[in-house]
């Protein structure tokens, strides 16, 4: 009888000693798990996490061509955005059908090699419709006057690559030695308060091109 009581007492003591250790171990696991769950649940909503993930996307968006007229650019071939990026600017423009009048003018002025050989420039390139706004008699006169034509065309060229952000409120010297001004935001920019960018941020191997809807005239 005494032996049985001793055994029961020993079991009770052992149980009393082991139970707190078991509870402590379980409590430690729960704390660890809850901490992990809390960390994982708060991480996605962290402002820092959102900022890091959005930053590269915003930067990439700024690198892409923009504007309503960009839809007219072929999806592939030499006249596509990828194709133009491989060629210097005068060659790239010759592969874009909406710039055929500009290309003809550049050839008449003898500026093909000058534009193709320049490095890191920006060209504001008038569309065919932009040239069509000029009365035909006046346009023909300019096209046959090399000095005047050269002056007008070089006024459309800035000696550095301009990003859309720089066009927001800018004043830039041109190869013609004059000044042009830009203003706007997002995908809406004007040059000299009169000419609108209809397809901007087009990359060629040596230039950034902003296609505009009005020919720019130097003072």
N, C-alpha and C. Protein backbone atom coordinates (compact mmCIF):
# COMPACT_ATOMS: atom_id res chain seq x y z
N UNK A 1 0.83 -1.21 0.00
CA UNK A 1 0.00 0.00 0.00
C UNK A 1 0.86 1.25 0.00
N UNK A 2 1.90 1.20 0.88
CA UNK A 2 2.81 2.34 0.92
C UNK A 2 3.55 2.52 -0.40
N UNK A 3 3.89 1.37 -1.01
CA UNK A 3 4.60 1.43 -2.31
C UNK A 3 3.75 2.08 -3.37
N UNK A 4 2.44 1.76 -3.41
CA UNK A 4 1.52 2.34 -4.39
C UNK A 4 1.42 3.85 -4.21
N UNK A 5 1.34 4.29 -2.92
CA UNK A 5 1.27 5.72 -2.65
C UNK A 5 2.54 6.45 -3.11
N UNK A 6 3.67 5.80 -2.89
CA UNK A 6 4.93 6.41 -3.31
C UNK A 6 4.99 6.58 -4.82
N UNK A 7 4.49 5.54 -5.57
CA UNK A 7 4.50 5.62 -7.04
C UNK A 7 3.63 6.76 -7.53
N UNK A 8 2.42 6.89 -6.88
CA UNK A 8 1.50 7.95 -7.31
C UNK A 8 2.10 9.32 -7.03
N UNK A 9 2.76 9.44 -5.91
CA UNK A 9 3.40 10.71 -5.58
C UNK A 9 4.49 11.06 -6.57
N UNK A 10 5.26 10.04 -6.98
CA UNK A 10 6.36 10.27 -7.94
C UNK A 10 5.83 10.72 -9.29
N UNK A 11 4.70 10.08 -9.72
CA UNK A 11 4.10 10.45 -11.00
C UNK A 11 3.60 11.89 -10.96
N UNK A 12 2.97 12.26 -9.81
CA UNK A 12 2.45 13.62 -9.67
C UNK A 12 3.55 14.65 -9.74
N UNK A 13 4.68 14.35 -9.06
CA UNK A 13 5.81 15.27 -9.09
C UNK A 13 6.37 15.42 -10.50
N UNK A 14 6.50 14.30 -11.22
CA UNK A 14 7.03 14.33 -12.59
C UNK A 14 6.12 15.12 -13.51
N UNK A 15 4.82 14.90 -13.35
CA UNK A 15 3.85 15.62 -14.18
C UNK A 15 3.91 17.11 -13.92
N UNK A 16 4.01 17.46 -12.64
CA UNK A 16 4.09 18.88 -12.27
C UNK A 16 5.35 19.54 -12.84
N UNK A 17 6.41 18.77 -12.95
CA UNK A 17 7.66 19.33 -13.47
C UNK A 17 7.64 19.47 -14.98
N UNK A 18 7.05 18.46 -15.67
CA UNK A 18 7.07 18.44 -17.14
C UNK A 18 6.06 19.38 -17.74
N UNK A 19 4.87 19.51 -17.14
CA UNK A 19 3.79 20.30 -17.72
C UNK A 19 4.17 21.76 -17.99
N UNK A 20 4.80 22.48 -17.03
CA UNK A 20 5.19 23.86 -17.35
C UNK A 20 6.15 23.97 -18.51
N UNK A 21 7.08 22.94 -18.60
CA UNK A 21 8.03 22.97 -19.72
C UNK A 21 7.30 22.81 -21.05
N UNK A 22 6.30 21.92 -21.08
CA UNK A 22 5.53 21.71 -22.30
C UNK A 22 4.76 22.96 -22.69
N UNK A 23 4.14 23.60 -21.69
CA UNK A 23 3.38 24.83 -21.98
C UNK A 23 4.29 25.94 -22.49
N UNK A 24 5.49 26.04 -21.87
CA UNK A 24 6.45 27.06 -22.29
C UNK A 24 6.88 26.84 -23.73
N UNK A 25 7.14 25.59 -24.09
CA UNK A 25 7.53 25.26 -25.46
C UNK A 25 6.44 25.62 -26.44
N UNK A 26 5.19 25.25 -26.12
CA UNK A 26 4.08 25.58 -27.01
C UNK A 26 3.90 27.09 -27.14
N UNK A 27 4.04 27.78 -25.97
CA UNK A 27 3.92 29.23 -26.01
C UNK A 27 4.98 29.86 -26.87
N UNK A 28 6.21 29.35 -26.84
CA UNK A 28 7.28 29.88 -27.68
C UNK A 28 6.98 29.70 -29.14
N UNK A 29 6.43 28.56 -29.55
CA UNK A 29 6.09 28.33 -30.95
C UNK A 29 5.00 29.28 -31.40
N UNK A 30 3.97 29.46 -30.52
CA UNK A 30 2.88 30.35 -30.89
C UNK A 30 3.37 31.77 -31.09
N UNK A 31 4.28 32.21 -30.21
CA UNK A 31 4.82 33.57 -30.33
C UNK A 31 5.60 33.72 -31.61
N UNK A 32 6.39 32.72 -31.92
CA UNK A 32 7.19 32.77 -33.15
C UNK A 32 6.30 32.80 -34.38
N UNK A 33 5.26 31.91 -34.37
CA UNK A 33 4.35 31.85 -35.51
C UNK A 33 3.59 33.14 -35.67
N UNK A 34 3.08 33.68 -34.55
CA UNK A 34 2.31 34.91 -34.64
C UNK A 34 3.17 36.06 -35.10
N UNK A 35 4.45 36.06 -34.68
CA UNK A 35 5.36 37.10 -35.13
C UNK A 35 5.59 37.01 -36.61
N UNK A 36 5.77 35.77 -37.11
CA UNK A 36 5.98 35.57 -38.54
C UNK A 36 4.77 36.00 -39.33
N UNK A 37 3.56 35.59 -38.80
CA UNK A 37 2.34 35.95 -39.51
C UNK A 37 2.16 37.47 -39.53
N UNK A 38 2.46 38.11 -38.40
CA UNK A 38 2.33 39.56 -38.34
C UNK A 38 3.26 40.23 -39.32
N UNK A 39 4.49 39.74 -39.39
CA UNK A 39 5.45 40.33 -40.32
C UNK A 39 5.00 40.16 -41.75
N UNK A 40 4.51 38.94 -42.09
CA UNK A 40 4.10 38.69 -43.47
C UNK A 40 2.85 39.47 -43.83
N UNK A 41 1.96 39.69 -42.84
CA UNK A 41 0.73 40.41 -43.14
C UNK A 41 0.96 41.90 -43.28
N UNK A 42 1.97 42.43 -42.57
CA UNK A 42 2.22 43.88 -42.67
C UNK A 42 3.16 44.23 -43.80
N UNK A 43 3.98 43.31 -44.28
CA UNK A 43 4.96 43.63 -45.32
C UNK A 43 4.35 44.18 -46.58
N UNK A 44 3.27 43.57 -47.17
CA UNK A 44 2.72 44.09 -48.42
C UNK A 44 2.18 45.50 -48.29
N UNK A 45 1.68 45.87 -47.10
CA UNK A 45 1.09 47.19 -46.97
C UNK A 45 2.09 48.26 -46.57
N UNK A 46 3.36 47.87 -46.46
CA UNK A 46 4.39 48.81 -46.06
C UNK A 46 4.58 49.87 -47.13
N UNK A 47 4.54 51.16 -46.77
CA UNK A 47 4.76 52.22 -47.77
C UNK A 47 6.08 52.08 -48.47
N UNK A 48 7.10 51.65 -47.72
CA UNK A 48 8.42 51.49 -48.35
C UNK A 48 8.36 50.44 -49.44
N UNK A 49 7.62 49.35 -49.18
CA UNK A 49 7.50 48.29 -50.18
C UNK A 49 6.82 48.80 -51.42
N UNK A 50 5.76 49.61 -51.24
CA UNK A 50 5.05 50.14 -52.40
C UNK A 50 5.93 51.08 -53.19
N UNK A 51 6.70 51.89 -52.51
CA UNK A 51 7.55 52.87 -53.18
C UNK A 51 8.59 52.18 -54.05
N UNK A 52 9.20 51.13 -53.51
CA UNK A 52 10.24 50.43 -54.26
C UNK A 52 9.65 49.76 -55.49
N UNK A 53 8.45 49.15 -55.34
CA UNK A 53 7.88 48.42 -56.47
C UNK A 53 7.37 49.36 -57.54
N UNK A 54 6.90 50.56 -57.16
CA UNK A 54 6.37 51.47 -58.16
C UNK A 54 7.46 52.25 -58.88
N UNK A 55 8.57 52.48 -58.20
CA UNK A 55 9.62 53.31 -58.78
C UNK A 55 10.09 52.84 -60.14
N UNK A 56 10.54 51.54 -60.26
CA UNK A 56 11.01 51.08 -61.55
C UNK A 56 9.95 51.16 -62.63
N UNK A 57 8.69 50.89 -62.28
CA UNK A 57 7.63 50.96 -63.27
C UNK A 57 7.46 52.37 -63.81
N UNK A 58 7.50 53.35 -62.90
CA UNK A 58 7.39 54.73 -63.33
C UNK A 58 8.55 55.12 -64.23
N UNK A 59 9.74 54.68 -63.89
CA UNK A 59 10.92 55.00 -64.69
C UNK A 59 10.80 54.39 -66.08
N UNK A 60 10.31 53.14 -66.13
CA UNK A 60 10.17 52.48 -67.43
C UNK A 60 9.13 53.19 -68.28
N UNK A 61 8.04 53.65 -67.64
CA UNK A 61 7.00 54.34 -68.39
C UNK A 61 7.55 55.60 -69.03
N UNK A 62 8.45 56.30 -68.33
CA UNK A 62 9.03 57.52 -68.85
C UNK A 62 9.94 57.27 -70.05
N UNK A 63 10.42 56.05 -70.18
CA UNK A 63 11.33 55.73 -71.27
C UNK A 63 10.60 55.39 -72.57
N UNK A 64 9.31 55.23 -72.52
CA UNK A 64 8.56 54.77 -73.69
C UNK A 64 8.06 55.95 -74.52
N UNK A 65 7.91 55.75 -75.86
CA UNK A 65 7.29 56.79 -76.69
C UNK A 65 5.86 57.05 -76.24
N UNK A 66 5.38 58.27 -76.43
CA UNK A 66 4.02 58.62 -76.03
C UNK A 66 3.42 59.56 -77.06
N UNK A 67 2.10 59.61 -77.11
CA UNK A 67 1.40 60.53 -78.00
C UNK A 67 0.48 59.80 -78.96
N UNK A 68 -0.57 60.49 -79.39
CA UNK A 68 -1.58 59.88 -80.24
C UNK A 68 -1.03 59.39 -81.58
N UNK A 69 -0.08 60.14 -82.14
CA UNK A 69 0.46 59.78 -83.46
C UNK A 69 1.38 58.56 -83.40
N UNK A 70 1.77 58.14 -82.21
CA UNK A 70 2.64 56.96 -82.10
C UNK A 70 1.95 55.70 -82.62
N UNK A 71 0.61 55.71 -82.62
CA UNK A 71 -0.13 54.53 -83.08
C UNK A 71 0.08 54.27 -84.57
N UNK A 72 0.53 55.29 -85.31
CA UNK A 72 0.77 55.14 -86.75
C UNK A 72 2.12 54.50 -87.05
N UNK A 73 2.96 54.36 -86.05
CA UNK A 73 4.29 53.77 -86.25
C UNK A 73 4.15 52.27 -86.42
N UNK A 74 4.79 51.68 -87.45
CA UNK A 74 4.69 50.22 -87.65
C UNK A 74 5.17 49.44 -86.43
N UNK A 75 4.60 48.25 -86.24
CA UNK A 75 4.96 47.43 -85.09
C UNK A 75 6.31 46.74 -85.28
N UNK A 76 6.71 46.54 -86.53
CA UNK A 76 8.01 45.91 -86.76
C UNK A 76 8.64 46.48 -88.02
N UNK A 77 9.89 46.09 -88.27
CA UNK A 77 10.61 46.59 -89.43
C UNK A 77 11.44 47.83 -89.11
N UNK A 78 12.08 48.38 -90.13
CA UNK A 78 12.99 49.52 -89.93
C UNK A 78 12.27 50.76 -89.43
N UNK A 79 10.96 50.89 -89.75
CA UNK A 79 10.21 52.06 -89.33
C UNK A 79 9.57 51.93 -87.97
N UNK A 80 9.72 50.78 -87.32
CA UNK A 80 9.16 50.59 -85.98
C UNK A 80 10.04 51.29 -84.95
N UNK A 81 9.56 51.36 -83.72
CA UNK A 81 10.37 51.98 -82.67
C UNK A 81 11.67 51.21 -82.46
N UNK A 82 11.59 49.89 -82.47
CA UNK A 82 12.81 49.09 -82.31
C UNK A 82 13.75 49.27 -83.50
N UNK A 83 13.17 49.37 -84.70
CA UNK A 83 13.99 49.55 -85.89
C UNK A 83 14.67 50.90 -85.91
N UNK A 84 13.94 51.96 -85.57
CA UNK A 84 14.52 53.30 -85.56
C UNK A 84 15.62 53.44 -84.52
N UNK A 85 15.50 52.68 -83.44
CA UNK A 85 16.52 52.75 -82.38
C UNK A 85 17.87 52.24 -82.86
N UNK A 86 17.89 51.50 -83.96
CA UNK A 86 19.14 50.94 -84.48
C UNK A 86 19.85 51.88 -85.45
N UNK A 87 19.15 52.91 -85.95
CA UNK A 87 19.69 53.78 -87.00
C UNK A 87 19.91 55.20 -86.49
N UNK A 88 20.86 55.94 -87.10
CA UNK A 88 21.00 57.36 -86.77
C UNK A 88 19.77 58.12 -87.25
N UNK A 89 19.58 59.32 -86.74
CA UNK A 89 18.29 59.99 -86.83
C UNK A 89 17.80 60.26 -88.25
N UNK A 90 18.65 60.71 -89.15
CA UNK A 90 18.19 61.00 -90.52
C UNK A 90 17.76 59.72 -91.23
N UNK A 91 18.51 58.65 -91.01
CA UNK A 91 18.14 57.35 -91.60
C UNK A 91 16.86 56.83 -90.99
N UNK A 92 16.73 56.94 -89.68
CA UNK A 92 15.52 56.50 -88.99
C UNK A 92 14.30 57.26 -89.49
N UNK A 93 14.43 58.57 -89.68
CA UNK A 93 13.32 59.39 -90.17
C UNK A 93 12.90 58.96 -91.58
N UNK A 94 13.86 58.55 -92.39
CA UNK A 94 13.55 58.15 -93.76
C UNK A 94 12.69 56.89 -93.81
N UNK A 95 12.66 56.15 -92.70
CA UNK A 95 11.84 54.93 -92.64
C UNK A 95 10.46 55.18 -92.04
N UNK A 96 10.19 56.45 -91.70
CA UNK A 96 8.90 56.82 -91.12
C UNK A 96 8.11 57.61 -92.15
N UNK A 97 7.02 57.05 -92.67
CA UNK A 97 6.29 57.70 -93.78
C UNK A 97 5.70 59.06 -93.42
N UNK A 98 5.45 59.35 -92.14
CA UNK A 98 4.87 60.65 -91.78
C UNK A 98 5.91 61.75 -91.77
N UNK A 99 7.18 61.40 -92.00
CA UNK A 99 8.26 62.40 -91.99
C UNK A 99 8.92 62.54 -93.37
N UNK A 100 8.25 62.13 -94.41
CA UNK A 100 8.88 62.13 -95.75
C UNK A 100 9.20 63.54 -96.24
N UNK A 101 8.37 64.54 -95.94
CA UNK A 101 8.67 65.92 -96.35
C UNK A 101 9.90 66.43 -95.61
N UNK A 102 9.99 66.14 -94.33
CA UNK A 102 11.17 66.54 -93.56
C UNK A 102 12.43 65.89 -94.12
N UNK A 103 12.35 64.63 -94.44
CA UNK A 103 13.52 63.92 -94.99
C UNK A 103 13.95 64.54 -96.31
N UNK A 104 12.98 64.89 -97.17
CA UNK A 104 13.30 65.55 -98.44
C UNK A 104 13.98 66.89 -98.20
N UNK A 105 13.51 67.62 -97.20
CA UNK A 105 14.10 68.93 -96.88
C UNK A 105 15.52 68.77 -96.34
N UNK A 106 15.72 67.77 -95.51
CA UNK A 106 17.07 67.52 -94.97
C UNK A 106 18.04 67.17 -96.09
N UNK A 107 17.58 66.39 -97.05
CA UNK A 107 18.44 66.04 -98.19
C UNK A 107 18.77 67.27 -99.03
N UNK A 108 17.76 68.13 -99.28
CA UNK A 108 18.00 69.34 -100.07
C UNK A 108 18.99 70.27 -99.39
N UNK A 109 18.95 70.30 -98.05
CA UNK A 109 19.86 71.17 -97.30
C UNK A 109 21.23 70.54 -97.12
N UNK A 110 21.38 69.30 -97.51
CA UNK A 110 22.66 68.61 -97.36
C UNK A 110 23.01 68.31 -95.91
N UNK A 111 21.99 68.03 -95.09
CA UNK A 111 22.21 67.84 -93.66
C UNK A 111 22.15 66.37 -93.20
N UNK A 112 22.04 65.46 -94.15
CA UNK A 112 21.92 64.04 -93.77
C UNK A 112 23.13 63.59 -92.96
N UNK A 113 24.32 63.83 -93.47
CA UNK A 113 25.54 63.39 -92.77
C UNK A 113 25.72 64.14 -91.45
N UNK A 114 25.35 65.42 -91.46
CA UNK A 114 25.48 66.22 -90.22
C UNK A 114 24.62 65.63 -89.11
N UNK A 115 23.36 65.33 -89.43
CA UNK A 115 22.46 64.79 -88.41
C UNK A 115 22.84 63.36 -88.02
N UNK A 116 23.21 62.56 -89.01
CA UNK A 116 23.58 61.17 -88.71
C UNK A 116 24.88 61.09 -87.91
N UNK A 117 25.77 62.07 -88.11
CA UNK A 117 27.06 62.03 -87.44
C UNK A 117 27.08 62.68 -86.07
N UNK A 118 26.03 63.45 -85.75
CA UNK A 118 25.97 64.12 -84.44
C UNK A 118 25.70 63.09 -83.35
N UNK A 119 26.10 63.42 -82.14
CA UNK A 119 25.89 62.51 -81.01
C UNK A 119 25.04 63.17 -79.93
N UNK A 120 24.11 62.39 -79.41
CA UNK A 120 23.28 62.83 -78.29
C UNK A 120 22.59 64.17 -78.55
N UNK A 121 21.73 64.18 -79.54
CA UNK A 121 20.97 65.38 -79.89
C UNK A 121 19.48 65.10 -79.72
N UNK A 122 18.70 66.17 -79.76
CA UNK A 122 17.24 66.05 -79.80
C UNK A 122 16.75 66.72 -81.06
N UNK A 123 15.86 66.05 -81.76
CA UNK A 123 15.28 66.60 -82.99
C UNK A 123 13.77 66.73 -82.82
N UNK A 124 13.27 67.95 -83.02
CA UNK A 124 11.83 68.18 -83.08
C UNK A 124 11.45 68.06 -84.56
N UNK A 125 10.80 66.95 -84.89
CA UNK A 125 10.60 66.58 -86.30
C UNK A 125 9.17 66.88 -86.75
N UNK A 126 8.99 67.87 -87.63
CA UNK A 126 7.64 68.19 -88.12
C UNK A 126 7.10 67.08 -89.04
N UNK A 127 5.82 66.79 -88.89
CA UNK A 127 5.17 65.80 -89.75
C UNK A 127 4.92 66.39 -91.14
N UNK A 128 4.49 65.53 -92.05
CA UNK A 128 4.09 66.00 -93.38
C UNK A 128 2.96 67.03 -93.26
N UNK A 129 2.01 66.76 -92.36
CA UNK A 129 0.89 67.69 -92.17
C UNK A 129 1.37 69.04 -91.64
N UNK A 130 2.44 69.04 -90.86
CA UNK A 130 2.99 70.30 -90.35
C UNK A 130 3.51 71.15 -91.51
N UNK A 131 4.21 70.53 -92.44
CA UNK A 131 4.70 71.26 -93.61
C UNK A 131 3.55 71.70 -94.51
N UNK A 132 2.46 70.89 -94.53
CA UNK A 132 1.31 71.22 -95.37
C UNK A 132 0.57 72.46 -94.88
N UNK A 133 0.81 72.87 -93.64
CA UNK A 133 0.20 74.10 -93.12
C UNK A 133 0.81 75.35 -93.77
N UNK A 134 2.01 75.21 -94.31
CA UNK A 134 2.69 76.33 -94.96
C UNK A 134 2.16 76.46 -96.39
N UNK A 135 1.74 77.62 -96.82
CA UNK A 135 1.28 77.78 -98.21
C UNK A 135 2.29 77.21 -99.20
N UNK A 136 1.82 76.51 -100.20
CA UNK A 136 2.71 75.78 -101.11
C UNK A 136 3.75 76.68 -101.75
N UNK A 137 3.37 77.87 -102.15
CA UNK A 137 4.33 78.77 -102.78
C UNK A 137 5.45 79.12 -101.82
N UNK A 138 5.10 79.36 -100.57
CA UNK A 138 6.12 79.69 -99.58
C UNK A 138 7.01 78.49 -99.27
N UNK A 139 6.39 77.32 -99.18
CA UNK A 139 7.17 76.11 -98.90
C UNK A 139 8.14 75.81 -100.04
N UNK A 140 7.65 75.92 -101.27
CA UNK A 140 8.52 75.68 -102.43
C UNK A 140 9.69 76.66 -102.44
N UNK A 141 9.42 77.91 -102.07
CA UNK A 141 10.48 78.93 -102.05
C UNK A 141 11.55 78.57 -101.02
N UNK A 142 11.11 78.12 -99.84
CA UNK A 142 12.05 77.74 -98.78
C UNK A 142 12.86 76.51 -99.19
N UNK A 143 12.18 75.53 -99.77
CA UNK A 143 12.87 74.30 -100.17
C UNK A 143 13.94 74.55 -101.23
N UNK A 144 13.79 75.65 -101.95
CA UNK A 144 14.77 75.97 -102.99
C UNK A 144 15.77 77.04 -102.56
N UNK A 145 15.75 77.39 -101.30
CA UNK A 145 16.69 78.36 -100.74
C UNK A 145 17.48 77.63 -99.65
N UNK A 146 18.65 77.14 -100.02
CA UNK A 146 19.40 76.27 -99.11
C UNK A 146 19.76 76.95 -97.80
N UNK A 147 20.13 78.22 -97.84
CA UNK A 147 20.53 78.92 -96.63
C UNK A 147 19.35 79.05 -95.66
N UNK A 148 18.19 79.47 -96.19
CA UNK A 148 17.01 79.61 -95.34
C UNK A 148 16.55 78.25 -94.84
N UNK A 149 16.57 77.25 -95.71
CA UNK A 149 16.15 75.90 -95.33
C UNK A 149 17.05 75.35 -94.22
N UNK A 150 18.34 75.57 -94.36
CA UNK A 150 19.29 75.09 -93.34
C UNK A 150 19.02 75.77 -92.00
N UNK A 151 18.75 77.07 -92.06
CA UNK A 151 18.47 77.83 -90.84
C UNK A 151 17.23 77.27 -90.13
N UNK A 152 16.19 76.99 -90.89
CA UNK A 152 14.95 76.46 -90.30
C UNK A 152 15.16 75.06 -89.73
N UNK A 153 15.81 74.20 -90.49
CA UNK A 153 15.98 72.81 -90.05
C UNK A 153 16.88 72.71 -88.81
N UNK A 154 17.96 73.47 -88.79
CA UNK A 154 18.86 73.39 -87.63
C UNK A 154 18.24 74.03 -86.39
N UNK A 155 17.20 74.85 -86.59
CA UNK A 155 16.48 75.40 -85.44
C UNK A 155 15.68 74.30 -84.72
N UNK A 156 15.44 73.21 -85.40
CA UNK A 156 14.69 72.09 -84.82
C UNK A 156 15.59 71.11 -84.06
N UNK A 157 16.87 71.43 -83.94
CA UNK A 157 17.82 70.48 -83.33
C UNK A 157 18.47 71.11 -82.10
N UNK A 158 18.44 70.37 -80.99
CA UNK A 158 19.08 70.79 -79.74
C UNK A 158 20.26 69.86 -79.48
N UNK A 159 21.35 70.42 -79.00
CA UNK A 159 22.58 69.65 -78.87
C UNK A 159 22.69 68.77 -77.64
N UNK A 160 21.58 68.25 -77.16
CA UNK A 160 21.59 67.29 -76.05
C UNK A 160 20.31 66.46 -76.13
N UNK A 161 20.36 65.29 -75.53
CA UNK A 161 19.15 64.47 -75.47
C UNK A 161 18.25 65.01 -74.36
N UNK A 162 17.00 65.31 -74.71
CA UNK A 162 16.05 65.85 -73.75
C UNK A 162 15.03 64.79 -73.34
N UNK A 163 14.81 64.67 -72.04
CA UNK A 163 13.80 63.76 -71.54
C UNK A 163 12.46 64.50 -71.47
N UNK A 164 11.34 63.76 -71.38
CA UNK A 164 10.05 64.45 -71.21
C UNK A 164 10.03 65.37 -69.99
N UNK A 165 10.68 64.96 -68.91
CA UNK A 165 10.70 65.80 -67.71
C UNK A 165 11.34 67.15 -67.98
N UNK A 166 12.36 67.17 -68.84
CA UNK A 166 13.03 68.44 -69.16
C UNK A 166 12.18 69.36 -70.01
N UNK A 167 11.16 68.79 -70.68
CA UNK A 167 10.29 69.62 -71.52
C UNK A 167 9.23 70.35 -70.71
N UNK A 168 9.08 70.00 -69.44
CA UNK A 168 8.00 70.56 -68.62
C UNK A 168 8.03 72.08 -68.58
N UNK A 169 9.21 72.64 -68.49
CA UNK A 169 9.36 74.10 -68.49
C UNK A 169 10.80 74.42 -68.89
N UNK A 170 11.07 74.33 -70.19
CA UNK A 170 12.46 74.42 -70.62
C UNK A 170 12.73 75.50 -71.65
N UNK A 171 13.99 75.90 -71.71
CA UNK A 171 14.48 76.82 -72.73
C UNK A 171 15.82 76.28 -73.21
N UNK A 172 15.95 76.03 -74.52
CA UNK A 172 17.12 75.32 -75.02
C UNK A 172 17.72 76.03 -76.24
N UNK A 173 19.04 75.99 -76.31
CA UNK A 173 19.75 76.52 -77.47
C UNK A 173 19.70 75.49 -78.60
N UNK A 174 19.56 75.99 -79.81
CA UNK A 174 19.48 75.11 -80.97
C UNK A 174 20.76 75.19 -81.79
N UNK A 175 20.90 74.27 -82.74
CA UNK A 175 22.07 74.30 -83.63
C UNK A 175 22.07 75.55 -84.49
N UNK A 176 20.92 76.17 -84.67
CA UNK A 176 20.81 77.40 -85.45
C UNK A 176 21.27 78.61 -84.63
N UNK A 177 21.58 78.36 -83.33
CA UNK A 177 22.02 79.39 -82.38
C UNK A 177 20.87 80.20 -81.79
N UNK A 178 19.64 79.79 -82.10
CA UNK A 178 18.49 80.44 -81.50
C UNK A 178 18.04 79.71 -80.24
N UNK A 179 16.90 80.10 -79.72
CA UNK A 179 16.34 79.48 -78.52
C UNK A 179 14.93 78.99 -78.84
N UNK A 180 14.58 77.84 -78.26
CA UNK A 180 13.19 77.42 -78.30
C UNK A 180 12.75 77.06 -76.89
N UNK A 181 11.47 77.18 -76.64
CA UNK A 181 10.94 76.91 -75.30
C UNK A 181 9.95 75.75 -75.36
N UNK A 182 9.86 75.03 -74.27
CA UNK A 182 8.94 73.90 -74.17
C UNK A 182 8.15 74.01 -72.87
N UNK A 183 6.95 73.42 -72.88
CA UNK A 183 6.13 73.42 -71.68
C UNK A 183 5.16 72.24 -71.76
N UNK A 184 4.68 71.80 -70.59
CA UNK A 184 3.70 70.73 -70.55
C UNK A 184 3.96 69.73 -69.45
N UNK A 185 3.22 68.63 -69.50
CA UNK A 185 3.37 67.56 -68.53
C UNK A 185 2.72 66.30 -69.07
N UNK A 186 3.03 65.17 -68.41
CA UNK A 186 2.43 63.90 -68.83
C UNK A 186 2.77 63.56 -70.26
N UNK A 187 1.74 63.52 -71.12
CA UNK A 187 1.95 63.26 -72.53
C UNK A 187 1.53 64.44 -73.39
N UNK A 188 1.45 65.63 -72.78
CA UNK A 188 0.98 66.83 -73.47
C UNK A 188 2.04 67.93 -73.38
N UNK A 189 2.76 68.16 -74.49
CA UNK A 189 3.83 69.15 -74.50
C UNK A 189 3.70 70.05 -75.72
N UNK A 190 4.10 71.30 -75.55
CA UNK A 190 4.14 72.24 -76.67
C UNK A 190 5.55 72.80 -76.81
N UNK A 191 5.85 73.24 -78.03
CA UNK A 191 7.13 73.87 -78.32
C UNK A 191 6.82 75.27 -78.86
N UNK A 192 7.45 76.27 -78.25
CA UNK A 192 7.21 77.68 -78.62
C UNK A 192 5.72 78.05 -78.56
N UNK A 193 5.00 77.42 -77.65
CA UNK A 193 3.58 77.71 -77.40
C UNK A 193 2.68 77.48 -78.61
N UNK A 194 3.18 76.87 -79.66
CA UNK A 194 2.37 76.73 -80.86
C UNK A 194 2.39 75.33 -81.46
N UNK A 195 3.50 74.65 -81.34
CA UNK A 195 3.65 73.33 -81.94
C UNK A 195 3.49 72.25 -80.87
N UNK A 196 2.64 71.27 -81.14
CA UNK A 196 2.36 70.22 -80.17
C UNK A 196 3.14 68.94 -80.49
N UNK A 197 3.64 68.31 -79.45
CA UNK A 197 4.29 67.01 -79.61
C UNK A 197 3.21 65.95 -79.81
N UNK A 198 3.24 65.27 -80.95
CA UNK A 198 2.21 64.26 -81.26
C UNK A 198 2.73 62.84 -81.08
N UNK A 199 4.04 62.68 -81.04
CA UNK A 199 4.65 61.39 -80.71
C UNK A 199 6.04 61.70 -80.17
N UNK A 200 6.21 61.53 -78.87
CA UNK A 200 7.46 61.97 -78.25
C UNK A 200 8.29 60.85 -77.67
N UNK A 201 9.54 61.21 -77.37
CA UNK A 201 10.47 60.30 -76.73
C UNK A 201 10.80 59.09 -77.60
N UNK A 202 10.94 59.33 -78.90
CA UNK A 202 11.31 58.27 -79.84
C UNK A 202 12.84 58.21 -79.90
N UNK A 203 13.38 57.04 -79.72
CA UNK A 203 14.84 56.89 -79.64
C UNK A 203 15.42 56.42 -80.97
N UNK A 204 16.50 57.08 -81.40
CA UNK A 204 17.34 56.56 -82.49
C UNK A 204 18.72 56.32 -81.90
N UNK A 205 19.64 55.81 -82.71
CA UNK A 205 20.94 55.45 -82.15
C UNK A 205 21.73 56.67 -81.66
N UNK A 206 21.42 57.85 -82.18
CA UNK A 206 22.18 59.05 -81.76
C UNK A 206 21.31 60.22 -81.32
N UNK A 207 19.99 60.02 -81.24
CA UNK A 207 19.12 61.15 -80.94
C UNK A 207 17.83 60.71 -80.26
N UNK A 208 17.20 61.68 -79.62
CA UNK A 208 15.82 61.52 -79.14
C UNK A 208 14.95 62.41 -80.01
N UNK A 209 13.83 61.88 -80.49
CA UNK A 209 12.99 62.59 -81.45
C UNK A 209 11.62 62.88 -80.82
N UNK A 210 11.17 64.13 -81.00
CA UNK A 210 9.82 64.52 -80.64
C UNK A 210 9.14 64.97 -81.93
N UNK A 211 8.18 64.20 -82.39
CA UNK A 211 7.48 64.53 -83.63
C UNK A 211 6.42 65.59 -83.32
N UNK A 212 6.44 66.69 -84.09
CA UNK A 212 5.57 67.84 -83.78
C UNK A 212 4.65 68.15 -84.96
N UNK A 213 3.55 68.87 -84.66
CA UNK A 213 2.54 69.11 -85.68
C UNK A 213 2.63 70.46 -86.37
N UNK A 214 3.66 71.24 -86.04
CA UNK A 214 3.84 72.57 -86.67
C UNK A 214 5.33 72.83 -86.86
N UNK A 215 5.69 73.36 -88.02
CA UNK A 215 7.09 73.70 -88.29
C UNK A 215 7.49 74.88 -87.41
N UNK A 216 8.65 74.76 -86.78
CA UNK A 216 9.17 75.82 -85.90
C UNK A 216 9.95 76.83 -86.74
N UNK A 217 9.67 78.10 -86.51
CA UNK A 217 10.34 79.14 -87.28
C UNK A 217 11.26 79.97 -86.39
N UNK A 218 12.55 80.03 -86.72
CA UNK A 218 13.48 80.86 -85.93
C UNK A 218 13.15 82.33 -86.10
N UNK A 219 13.51 83.11 -85.09
CA UNK A 219 13.27 84.55 -85.18
C UNK A 219 14.29 85.19 -86.12
